[in-house]
Amino acid sequence: MFTRLWTLTRFAMALALGPVTFVAAPTPVLADPPADPVDLDATYQGEAPERYAQVKSVEGDVRIRKGDLEEALERGVPVAEGDVIDSRGRGVLQLGDGTRVAFASGARFQVAALFTDKRGERQVLLRLDRGRLRIALGGHSDARVRVDTQAGTASMLDRGNATLQVEGDQSVRVRVHSGHLSFSND
């Protein structure tokens, strides 16, 4: 009898109180702490200024080939290693350190390498197939700039300014406006 009375009492209390809903506060989910952005910047090479050049100006028909894709070159476009520029106009590329590479109509060249070596020295390698380039190292640039042609290799030895022109017969004209440049061939 007592058990039956207890069951009836519980049933009566449940009816009087109505349905009871338990609401639990959501448990916060804690993510791993974010990685230090400085460490991410040190390992991510895609946006480091020494890894690309930017188009500062362009006039006329200038094309850029990025792998299998060819398109018109426009101001502000980043130019990276391996990109080939074919110009029927003219323009200026600027590297992260302020070094400028001006190209004339008829120039065809490749940005072969833009990197910092193990010793921390910046290396810029251009391959000039035809036409004229004028290279002006930035005021604070410590980059070593090399231009390869079929006739030989030009290396800028210090801050300076020079023009290289590959003629139709693949001979190369070099004019040093300031600084020093060495040219070597077989």
N, C-alpha and C. Protein backbone atom coordinates (compact mmCIF):
# COMPACT_ATOMS: atom_id res chain seq x y z
N MET A 1 0.79 -1.17 0.00
CA MET A 1 0.00 0.00 0.00
C MET A 1 0.86 1.26 0.00
N PHE A 2 1.85 1.21 0.82
CA PHE A 2 2.73 2.37 0.89
C PHE A 2 3.35 2.64 -0.48
N THR A 3 3.74 1.65 -1.23
CA THR A 3 4.36 1.81 -2.53
C THR A 3 3.37 2.42 -3.50
N ARG A 4 2.12 1.98 -3.41
CA ARG A 4 1.11 2.53 -4.29
C ARG A 4 0.85 3.99 -3.97
N LEU A 5 0.83 4.35 -2.71
CA LEU A 5 0.61 5.73 -2.29
C LEU A 5 1.76 6.61 -2.77
N TRP A 6 2.96 6.10 -2.64
CA TRP A 6 4.14 6.85 -3.07
C TRP A 6 4.09 7.08 -4.57
N THR A 7 3.72 6.12 -5.37
CA THR A 7 3.61 6.25 -6.82
C THR A 7 2.54 7.26 -7.17
N LEU A 8 1.38 7.23 -6.51
CA LEU A 8 0.31 8.20 -6.76
C LEU A 8 0.76 9.61 -6.39
N THR A 9 1.52 9.76 -5.33
CA THR A 9 2.00 11.07 -4.90
C THR A 9 2.98 11.63 -5.93
N ARG A 10 3.86 10.80 -6.40
CA ARG A 10 4.81 11.26 -7.43
C ARG A 10 4.06 11.65 -8.70
N PHE A 11 3.04 10.87 -9.08
CA PHE A 11 2.24 11.16 -10.26
C PHE A 11 1.50 12.48 -10.10
N ALA A 12 0.95 12.74 -8.92
CA ALA A 12 0.21 13.97 -8.65
C ALA A 12 1.15 15.17 -8.68
N MET A 13 2.33 15.02 -8.16
CA MET A 13 3.31 16.11 -8.16
C MET A 13 3.75 16.41 -9.58
N ALA A 14 3.93 15.41 -10.38
CA ALA A 14 4.35 15.61 -11.77
C ALA A 14 3.29 16.36 -12.54
N LEU A 15 2.00 16.03 -12.30
CA LEU A 15 0.91 16.75 -12.96
C LEU A 15 0.84 18.19 -12.50
N ALA A 16 1.05 18.43 -11.21
CA ALA A 16 0.95 19.78 -10.66
C ALA A 16 2.09 20.66 -11.16
N LEU A 17 3.25 20.13 -11.27
CA LEU A 17 4.41 20.92 -11.70
C LEU A 17 4.47 21.08 -13.22
N GLY A 18 3.89 20.19 -13.94
CA GLY A 18 3.95 20.23 -15.40
C GLY A 18 5.27 19.64 -15.86
N PRO A 19 5.41 19.65 -17.16
CA PRO A 19 6.65 19.06 -17.67
C PRO A 19 7.86 19.87 -17.23
N VAL A 20 8.89 19.20 -16.90
CA VAL A 20 10.12 19.84 -16.47
C VAL A 20 11.13 19.70 -17.59
N THR A 21 11.72 20.83 -17.97
CA THR A 21 12.73 20.83 -19.03
C THR A 21 14.05 21.24 -18.42
N PHE A 22 15.05 20.45 -18.69
CA PHE A 22 16.39 20.79 -18.23
C PHE A 22 17.13 21.46 -19.37
N VAL A 23 17.70 22.59 -19.09
CA VAL A 23 18.49 23.30 -20.08
C VAL A 23 19.92 23.33 -19.58
N ALA A 24 20.78 22.79 -20.37
CA ALA A 24 22.19 22.78 -20.00
C ALA A 24 22.90 23.88 -20.79
N ALA A 25 23.77 24.56 -20.12
CA ALA A 25 24.55 25.58 -20.81
C ALA A 25 25.51 24.90 -21.79
N PRO A 26 25.68 25.47 -22.97
CA PRO A 26 26.58 24.82 -23.93
C PRO A 26 28.00 24.77 -23.38
N THR A 27 28.64 23.68 -23.64
CA THR A 27 30.02 23.51 -23.21
C THR A 27 30.92 24.21 -24.22
N PRO A 28 31.74 25.14 -23.77
CA PRO A 28 32.60 25.83 -24.73
C PRO A 28 33.63 24.86 -25.32
N VAL A 29 33.81 24.99 -26.62
CA VAL A 29 34.81 24.19 -27.30
C VAL A 29 36.04 25.05 -27.45
N LEU A 30 37.11 24.63 -26.89
CA LEU A 30 38.34 25.41 -26.93
C LEU A 30 39.23 24.90 -28.05
N ALA A 31 39.61 25.81 -28.93
CA ALA A 31 40.52 25.45 -30.02
C ALA A 31 41.94 25.55 -29.51
N ASP A 32 42.83 24.95 -30.27
CA ASP A 32 44.24 25.09 -29.94
C ASP A 32 44.60 26.56 -30.06
N PRO A 33 45.49 27.03 -29.24
CA PRO A 33 45.87 28.43 -29.36
C PRO A 33 46.44 28.71 -30.74
N PRO A 34 46.15 29.89 -31.31
CA PRO A 34 46.65 30.18 -32.66
C PRO A 34 48.17 30.17 -32.69
N ALA A 35 48.69 29.75 -33.84
CA ALA A 35 50.14 29.73 -34.02
C ALA A 35 50.66 31.16 -34.05
N ASP A 36 51.86 31.33 -33.65
CA ASP A 36 52.48 32.65 -33.65
C ASP A 36 52.60 33.13 -35.09
N PRO A 37 51.99 34.30 -35.45
CA PRO A 37 52.04 34.76 -36.84
C PRO A 37 53.46 34.98 -37.35
N VAL A 38 54.39 35.29 -36.46
CA VAL A 38 55.76 35.48 -36.90
C VAL A 38 56.31 34.16 -37.46
N ASP A 39 56.00 33.05 -36.80
CA ASP A 39 56.46 31.75 -37.28
C ASP A 39 55.84 31.44 -38.63
N LEU A 40 54.54 31.77 -38.82
CA LEU A 40 53.90 31.52 -40.10
C LEU A 40 54.57 32.33 -41.20
N ASP A 41 54.88 33.58 -40.93
CA ASP A 41 55.52 34.42 -41.93
C ASP A 41 56.89 33.89 -42.32
N ALA A 42 57.59 33.30 -41.37
CA ALA A 42 58.93 32.80 -41.66
C ALA A 42 58.89 31.58 -42.57
N THR A 43 57.81 30.80 -42.49
CA THR A 43 57.77 29.59 -43.29
C THR A 43 57.01 29.78 -44.59
N TYR A 44 56.14 30.78 -44.68
CA TYR A 44 55.34 30.98 -45.88
C TYR A 44 56.11 31.84 -46.86
N GLN A 45 56.43 31.31 -48.04
CA GLN A 45 57.26 32.02 -49.00
C GLN A 45 56.47 32.77 -50.06
N GLY A 46 55.17 32.55 -50.13
CA GLY A 46 54.39 33.10 -51.23
C GLY A 46 54.32 34.60 -51.29
N GLU A 47 54.33 35.29 -50.16
CA GLU A 47 54.15 36.73 -50.19
C GLU A 47 55.38 37.50 -49.72
N ALA A 48 56.47 36.84 -49.51
CA ALA A 48 57.68 37.54 -49.10
C ALA A 48 58.11 38.46 -50.23
N PRO A 49 58.43 39.72 -49.94
CA PRO A 49 58.72 40.67 -51.01
C PRO A 49 59.87 40.28 -51.92
N GLU A 50 60.80 39.48 -51.44
CA GLU A 50 61.90 39.09 -52.31
C GLU A 50 61.51 37.96 -53.26
N ARG A 51 60.28 37.45 -53.17
CA ARG A 51 59.84 36.34 -54.00
C ARG A 51 59.05 36.77 -55.23
N TYR A 52 58.84 38.05 -55.42
CA TYR A 52 58.11 38.51 -56.60
C TYR A 52 58.49 39.94 -56.95
N ALA A 53 58.12 40.33 -58.15
CA ALA A 53 58.25 41.71 -58.60
C ALA A 53 56.84 42.21 -58.92
N GLN A 54 56.66 43.50 -58.87
CA GLN A 54 55.35 44.07 -59.17
C GLN A 54 55.47 44.99 -60.37
N VAL A 55 54.44 44.98 -61.22
CA VAL A 55 54.43 45.85 -62.39
C VAL A 55 54.09 47.26 -61.93
N LYS A 56 55.03 48.19 -62.07
CA LYS A 56 54.80 49.58 -61.67
C LYS A 56 54.18 50.39 -62.80
N SER A 57 54.59 50.10 -64.03
CA SER A 57 53.98 50.79 -65.17
C SER A 57 54.07 49.90 -66.39
N VAL A 58 53.12 50.07 -67.29
CA VAL A 58 53.11 49.31 -68.53
C VAL A 58 52.38 50.13 -69.58
N GLU A 59 52.96 50.17 -70.78
CA GLU A 59 52.36 50.87 -71.91
C GLU A 59 52.40 49.95 -73.11
N GLY A 60 51.32 49.94 -73.87
CA GLY A 60 51.28 49.12 -75.08
C GLY A 60 50.93 47.67 -74.78
N ASP A 61 51.17 46.82 -75.75
CA ASP A 61 50.83 45.41 -75.65
C ASP A 61 51.98 44.64 -75.01
N VAL A 62 51.79 44.23 -73.79
CA VAL A 62 52.78 43.43 -73.06
C VAL A 62 52.07 42.19 -72.56
N ARG A 63 52.64 41.03 -72.83
CA ARG A 63 52.05 39.75 -72.44
C ARG A 63 52.93 39.09 -71.39
N ILE A 64 52.29 38.33 -70.52
CA ILE A 64 53.02 37.55 -69.52
C ILE A 64 52.55 36.10 -69.61
N ARG A 65 53.51 35.20 -69.55
CA ARG A 65 53.19 33.78 -69.55
C ARG A 65 53.56 33.22 -68.19
N LYS A 66 52.54 32.69 -67.51
CA LYS A 66 52.70 32.04 -66.20
C LYS A 66 52.39 30.57 -66.41
N GLY A 67 53.40 29.76 -66.60
CA GLY A 67 53.18 28.35 -66.91
C GLY A 67 52.55 28.22 -68.28
N ASP A 68 51.38 27.60 -68.34
CA ASP A 68 50.67 27.43 -69.61
C ASP A 68 49.72 28.57 -69.91
N LEU A 69 49.52 29.48 -68.97
CA LEU A 69 48.57 30.57 -69.12
C LEU A 69 49.27 31.82 -69.63
N GLU A 70 48.73 32.42 -70.68
CA GLU A 70 49.27 33.68 -71.20
C GLU A 70 48.17 34.73 -71.14
N GLU A 71 48.53 35.93 -70.66
CA GLU A 71 47.55 37.00 -70.53
C GLU A 71 48.24 38.35 -70.68
N ALA A 72 47.43 39.40 -70.77
CA ALA A 72 47.97 40.75 -70.85
C ALA A 72 48.57 41.12 -69.49
N LEU A 73 49.70 41.78 -69.52
CA LEU A 73 50.33 42.25 -68.29
C LEU A 73 49.77 43.62 -67.96
N GLU A 74 49.34 43.80 -66.72
CA GLU A 74 48.75 45.06 -66.29
C GLU A 74 49.45 45.55 -65.03
N ARG A 75 49.28 46.83 -64.75
CA ARG A 75 49.88 47.45 -63.57
C ARG A 75 49.36 46.77 -62.30
N GLY A 76 50.27 46.53 -61.36
CA GLY A 76 49.91 45.91 -60.09
C GLY A 76 49.99 44.40 -60.08
N VAL A 77 50.18 43.78 -61.23
CA VAL A 77 50.24 42.31 -61.30
C VAL A 77 51.56 41.83 -60.70
N PRO A 78 51.52 40.84 -59.80
CA PRO A 78 52.78 40.29 -59.29
C PRO A 78 53.43 39.39 -60.34
N VAL A 79 54.73 39.50 -60.46
CA VAL A 79 55.50 38.68 -61.40
C VAL A 79 56.41 37.80 -60.54
N ALA A 80 56.33 36.49 -60.77
CA ALA A 80 57.06 35.54 -59.92
C ALA A 80 58.09 34.76 -60.73
N GLU A 81 58.83 33.93 -60.03
CA GLU A 81 59.83 33.08 -60.68
C GLU A 81 59.20 32.25 -61.78
N GLY A 82 59.88 32.18 -62.91
CA GLY A 82 59.41 31.38 -64.03
C GLY A 82 58.55 32.14 -65.02
N ASP A 83 58.03 33.30 -64.65
CA ASP A 83 57.18 34.08 -65.55
C ASP A 83 58.00 34.66 -66.69
N VAL A 84 57.41 34.64 -67.90
CA VAL A 84 58.06 35.17 -69.09
C VAL A 84 57.29 36.38 -69.58
N ILE A 85 58.01 37.46 -69.84
CA ILE A 85 57.40 38.69 -70.33
C ILE A 85 57.82 38.90 -71.77
N ASP A 86 56.83 39.14 -72.64
CA ASP A 86 57.04 39.38 -74.06
C ASP A 86 56.40 40.73 -74.37
N SER A 87 57.22 41.70 -74.74
CA SER A 87 56.75 43.07 -74.84
C SER A 87 56.74 43.62 -76.26
N ARG A 88 55.60 44.16 -76.64
CA ARG A 88 55.49 44.99 -77.83
C ARG A 88 55.20 46.43 -77.39
N GLY A 89 55.34 46.62 -76.11
CA GLY A 89 55.20 47.92 -75.48
C GLY A 89 56.41 48.14 -74.59
N ARG A 90 56.19 48.73 -73.45
CA ARG A 90 57.29 48.91 -72.50
C ARG A 90 56.72 48.97 -71.09
N GLY A 91 57.59 48.80 -70.11
CA GLY A 91 57.11 48.82 -68.73
C GLY A 91 58.24 48.77 -67.73
N VAL A 92 57.84 48.76 -66.46
CA VAL A 92 58.80 48.72 -65.35
C VAL A 92 58.30 47.74 -64.30
N LEU A 93 59.19 46.83 -63.89
CA LEU A 93 58.94 45.94 -62.76
C LEU A 93 59.72 46.48 -61.57
N GLN A 94 59.16 46.32 -60.37
CA GLN A 94 59.88 46.72 -59.17
C GLN A 94 59.92 45.57 -58.19
N LEU A 95 61.12 45.29 -57.68
CA LEU A 95 61.30 44.25 -56.68
C LEU A 95 61.03 44.82 -55.30
N GLY A 96 60.92 43.95 -54.31
CA GLY A 96 60.61 44.36 -52.94
C GLY A 96 61.60 45.33 -52.34
N ASP A 97 62.86 45.30 -52.77
CA ASP A 97 63.88 46.20 -52.21
C ASP A 97 64.00 47.51 -52.98
N GLY A 98 63.13 47.73 -53.97
CA GLY A 98 63.17 48.96 -54.74
C GLY A 98 63.92 48.84 -56.06
N THR A 99 64.59 47.72 -56.30
CA THR A 99 65.28 47.53 -57.58
C THR A 99 64.26 47.55 -58.71
N ARG A 100 64.58 48.26 -59.79
CA ARG A 100 63.67 48.37 -60.93
C ARG A 100 64.28 47.75 -62.17
N VAL A 101 63.42 47.07 -62.92
CA VAL A 101 63.81 46.47 -64.19
C VAL A 101 62.87 47.06 -65.25
N ALA A 102 63.44 47.94 -66.09
CA ALA A 102 62.65 48.56 -67.17
C ALA A 102 62.89 47.76 -68.44
N PHE A 103 61.82 47.52 -69.20
CA PHE A 103 61.95 46.78 -70.45
C PHE A 103 61.35 47.59 -71.58
N ALA A 104 61.97 47.45 -72.76
CA ALA A 104 61.55 48.21 -73.94
C ALA A 104 60.71 47.33 -74.85
N SER A 105 60.16 47.97 -75.88
CA SER A 105 59.41 47.23 -76.89
C SER A 105 60.33 46.24 -77.58
N GLY A 106 59.84 45.04 -77.81
CA GLY A 106 60.64 44.00 -78.45
C GLY A 106 61.40 43.13 -77.47
N ALA A 107 61.30 43.42 -76.16
CA ALA A 107 62.02 42.62 -75.17
C ALA A 107 61.25 41.35 -74.86
N ARG A 108 62.01 40.29 -74.68
CA ARG A 108 61.45 39.02 -74.20
C ARG A 108 62.43 38.50 -73.16
N PHE A 109 61.93 38.35 -71.92
CA PHE A 109 62.80 37.87 -70.85
C PHE A 109 62.01 37.07 -69.84
N GLN A 110 62.76 36.27 -69.07
CA GLN A 110 62.16 35.45 -68.02
C GLN A 110 62.72 35.88 -66.68
N VAL A 111 61.84 35.95 -65.69
CA VAL A 111 62.27 36.13 -64.30
C VAL A 111 62.59 34.72 -63.82
N ALA A 112 63.84 34.33 -63.92
CA ALA A 112 64.23 32.95 -63.66
C ALA A 112 64.29 32.64 -62.18
N ALA A 113 64.76 33.57 -61.36
CA ALA A 113 64.87 33.29 -59.92
C ALA A 113 64.84 34.58 -59.12
N LEU A 114 64.13 34.54 -58.02
CA LEU A 114 64.10 35.61 -57.02
C LEU A 114 64.13 34.90 -55.66
N PHE A 115 65.27 34.91 -54.99
CA PHE A 115 65.35 34.17 -53.74
C PHE A 115 66.45 34.74 -52.85
N THR A 116 66.46 34.26 -51.63
CA THR A 116 67.52 34.58 -50.68
C THR A 116 68.26 33.28 -50.41
N ASP A 117 69.58 33.30 -50.60
CA ASP A 117 70.34 32.06 -50.42
C ASP A 117 70.58 31.76 -48.94
N LYS A 118 71.30 30.67 -48.67
CA LYS A 118 71.53 30.23 -47.29
C LYS A 118 72.32 31.24 -46.47
N ARG A 119 73.08 32.07 -47.13
CA ARG A 119 73.86 33.10 -46.42
C ARG A 119 73.06 34.38 -46.20
N GLY A 120 71.79 34.38 -46.68
CA GLY A 120 70.95 35.56 -46.51
C GLY A 120 71.11 36.60 -47.61
N GLU A 121 71.84 36.26 -48.67
CA GLU A 121 72.05 37.20 -49.78
C GLU A 121 70.94 37.04 -50.81
N ARG A 122 70.37 38.17 -51.23
CA ARG A 122 69.30 38.15 -52.23
C ARG A 122 69.89 37.91 -53.60
N GLN A 123 69.25 37.02 -54.37
CA GLN A 123 69.69 36.67 -55.71
C GLN A 123 68.57 36.95 -56.69
N VAL A 124 68.89 37.63 -57.78
CA VAL A 124 67.93 37.91 -58.85
C VAL A 124 68.56 37.42 -60.15
N LEU A 125 67.86 36.51 -60.82
CA LEU A 125 68.36 35.97 -62.09
C LEU A 125 67.31 36.22 -63.16
N LEU A 126 67.73 36.92 -64.22
CA LEU A 126 66.88 37.19 -65.38
C LEU A 126 67.51 36.53 -66.59
N ARG A 127 66.68 36.05 -67.52
CA ARG A 127 67.17 35.49 -68.78
C ARG A 127 66.61 36.35 -69.90
N LEU A 128 67.50 37.08 -70.57
CA LEU A 128 67.11 37.99 -71.65
C LEU A 128 67.31 37.30 -72.99
N ASP A 129 66.18 37.02 -73.68
CA ASP A 129 66.25 36.37 -74.98
C ASP A 129 66.48 37.38 -76.10
N ARG A 130 65.80 38.53 -76.01
CA ARG A 130 65.96 39.57 -77.02
C ARG A 130 65.49 40.90 -76.42
N GLY A 131 65.93 41.97 -77.05
CA GLY A 131 65.49 43.30 -76.62
C GLY A 131 66.38 43.91 -75.57
N ARG A 132 65.81 44.92 -74.88
CA ARG A 132 66.61 45.74 -73.96
C ARG A 132 65.99 45.79 -72.57
N LEU A 133 66.87 45.65 -71.56
CA LEU A 133 66.51 45.81 -70.15
C LEU A 133 67.41 46.87 -69.54
N ARG A 134 66.84 47.68 -68.68
CA ARG A 134 67.64 48.60 -67.88
C ARG A 134 67.37 48.27 -66.42
N ILE A 135 68.44 47.99 -65.69
CA ILE A 135 68.32 47.56 -64.30
C ILE A 135 68.93 48.63 -63.41
N ALA A 136 68.13 49.09 -62.44
CA ALA A 136 68.59 50.08 -61.47
C ALA A 136 68.38 49.49 -60.08
N LEU A 137 69.48 49.16 -59.40
CA LEU A 137 69.36 48.60 -58.07
C LEU A 137 68.84 49.67 -57.11
N GLY A 138 67.94 49.25 -56.20
CA GLY A 138 67.37 50.16 -55.22
C GLY A 138 68.45 50.71 -54.30
N GLY A 139 68.17 51.86 -53.72
CA GLY A 139 69.14 52.53 -52.85
C GLY A 139 69.62 51.68 -51.69
N HIS A 140 68.76 50.80 -51.16
CA HIS A 140 69.14 49.96 -50.03
C HIS A 140 69.29 48.51 -50.44
N SER A 141 69.37 48.26 -51.73
CA SER A 141 69.43 46.89 -52.22
C SER A 141 70.82 46.28 -51.99
N ASP A 142 70.79 45.05 -51.52
CA ASP A 142 72.03 44.28 -51.43
C ASP A 142 71.94 43.06 -52.34
N ALA A 143 71.00 43.11 -53.28
CA ALA A 143 70.77 41.98 -54.18
C ALA A 143 71.92 41.80 -55.16
N ARG A 144 72.17 40.56 -55.52
CA ARG A 144 73.11 40.23 -56.58
C ARG A 144 72.26 39.95 -57.81
N VAL A 145 72.41 40.80 -58.82
CA VAL A 145 71.60 40.68 -60.02
C VAL A 145 72.45 40.10 -61.13
N ARG A 146 71.90 39.06 -61.77
CA ARG A 146 72.57 38.40 -62.89
C ARG A 146 71.61 38.33 -64.06
N VAL A 147 72.10 38.65 -65.24
CA VAL A 147 71.29 38.55 -66.45
C VAL A 147 72.00 37.60 -67.40
N ASP A 148 71.34 36.49 -67.72
CA ASP A 148 71.89 35.51 -68.66
C ASP A 148 71.38 35.80 -70.06
N THR A 149 72.27 35.72 -71.03
CA THR A 149 71.91 35.83 -72.45
C THR A 149 72.58 34.66 -73.17
N GLN A 150 72.26 34.47 -74.44
CA GLN A 150 72.93 33.40 -75.19
C GLN A 150 74.41 33.70 -75.39
N ALA A 151 74.78 34.97 -75.36
CA ALA A 151 76.17 35.35 -75.58
C ALA A 151 77.01 35.36 -74.30
N GLY A 152 76.38 35.36 -73.14
CA GLY A 152 77.13 35.41 -71.90
C GLY A 152 76.27 35.87 -70.73
N THR A 153 76.95 36.12 -69.61
CA THR A 153 76.28 36.47 -68.36
C THR A 153 76.80 37.80 -67.83
N ALA A 154 75.87 38.69 -67.50
CA ALA A 154 76.22 39.97 -66.88
C ALA A 154 75.87 39.90 -65.41
N SER A 155 76.79 40.34 -64.55
CA SER A 155 76.55 40.37 -63.10
C SER A 155 76.83 41.77 -62.59
N MET A 156 75.85 42.32 -61.88
CA MET A 156 76.05 43.64 -61.28
C MET A 156 76.75 43.42 -59.95
N LEU A 157 77.90 44.05 -59.79
CA LEU A 157 78.74 43.79 -58.63
C LEU A 157 78.43 44.69 -57.44
N ASP A 158 77.80 45.79 -57.66
CA ASP A 158 77.42 46.67 -56.56
C ASP A 158 76.20 47.47 -56.97
N ARG A 159 75.76 48.33 -56.08
CA ARG A 159 74.61 49.16 -56.42
C ARG A 159 74.94 49.95 -57.67
N GLY A 160 74.04 49.92 -58.60
CA GLY A 160 74.31 50.62 -59.83
C GLY A 160 73.14 50.58 -60.77
N ASN A 161 73.45 50.93 -62.02
CA ASN A 161 72.43 51.10 -63.04
C ASN A 161 73.08 50.73 -64.38
N ALA A 162 72.45 49.80 -65.11
CA ALA A 162 73.04 49.36 -66.38
C ALA A 162 71.95 48.97 -67.37
N THR A 163 72.30 49.04 -68.65
CA THR A 163 71.40 48.63 -69.73
C THR A 163 72.05 47.50 -70.50
N LEU A 164 71.25 46.46 -70.77
CA LEU A 164 71.71 45.32 -71.58
C LEU A 164 70.76 45.18 -72.75
N GLN A 165 71.33 45.00 -73.93
CA GLN A 165 70.51 44.84 -75.13
C GLN A 165 71.02 43.67 -75.95
N VAL A 166 70.11 42.72 -76.24
CA VAL A 166 70.43 41.59 -77.09
C VAL A 166 69.98 41.94 -78.50
N GLU A 167 70.95 41.95 -79.41
CA GLU A 167 70.68 42.29 -80.82
C GLU A 167 70.13 41.07 -81.56
N GLY A 168 69.71 41.28 -82.80
CA GLY A 168 69.17 40.20 -83.63
C GLY A 168 70.14 39.05 -83.86
N ASP A 169 71.44 39.36 -83.92
CA ASP A 169 72.44 38.31 -84.12
C ASP A 169 72.91 37.68 -82.80
N GLN A 170 72.20 37.96 -81.71
CA GLN A 170 72.46 37.47 -80.36
C GLN A 170 73.68 38.10 -79.70
N SER A 171 74.28 39.12 -80.34
CA SER A 171 75.35 39.85 -79.66
C SER A 171 74.70 40.73 -78.59
N VAL A 172 75.50 41.08 -77.58
CA VAL A 172 74.97 41.84 -76.45
C VAL A 172 75.71 43.16 -76.31
N ARG A 173 74.94 44.22 -76.18
CA ARG A 173 75.50 45.54 -75.87
C ARG A 173 75.24 45.83 -74.41
N VAL A 174 76.28 46.27 -73.72
CA VAL A 174 76.17 46.58 -72.30
C VAL A 174 76.61 48.02 -72.08
N ARG A 175 75.79 48.74 -71.33
CA ARG A 175 76.14 50.11 -70.98
C ARG A 175 75.97 50.27 -69.47
N VAL A 176 77.05 50.65 -68.81
CA VAL A 176 77.01 50.84 -67.36
C VAL A 176 76.84 52.34 -67.10
N HIS A 177 75.74 52.71 -66.47
CA HIS A 177 75.46 54.11 -66.17
C HIS A 177 76.08 54.52 -64.84
N SER A 178 76.09 53.60 -63.89
CA SER A 178 76.76 53.82 -62.59
C SER A 178 77.05 52.45 -61.97
N GLY A 179 78.03 52.41 -61.09
CA GLY A 179 78.39 51.15 -60.44
C GLY A 179 79.31 50.31 -61.32
N HIS A 180 79.34 49.02 -61.04
CA HIS A 180 80.22 48.09 -61.75
C HIS A 180 79.41 46.90 -62.24
N LEU A 181 79.86 46.35 -63.37
CA LEU A 181 79.22 45.17 -63.95
C LEU A 181 80.31 44.31 -64.57
N SER A 182 80.18 43.00 -64.40
CA SER A 182 81.11 42.10 -65.08
C SER A 182 80.32 41.30 -66.11
N PHE A 183 80.98 41.01 -67.23
CA PHE A 183 80.34 40.21 -68.28
C PHE A 183 81.28 39.06 -68.60
N SER A 184 80.77 37.86 -68.57
CA SER A 184 81.61 36.69 -68.89
C SER A 184 80.91 35.81 -69.91
N ASN A 185 81.74 35.18 -70.73
CA ASN A 185 81.22 34.22 -71.71
C ASN A 185 82.32 33.17 -71.97
N ASP A 186 81.98 32.19 -72.80
CA ASP A 186 82.95 31.13 -73.09
C ASP A 186 84.09 31.68 -73.90
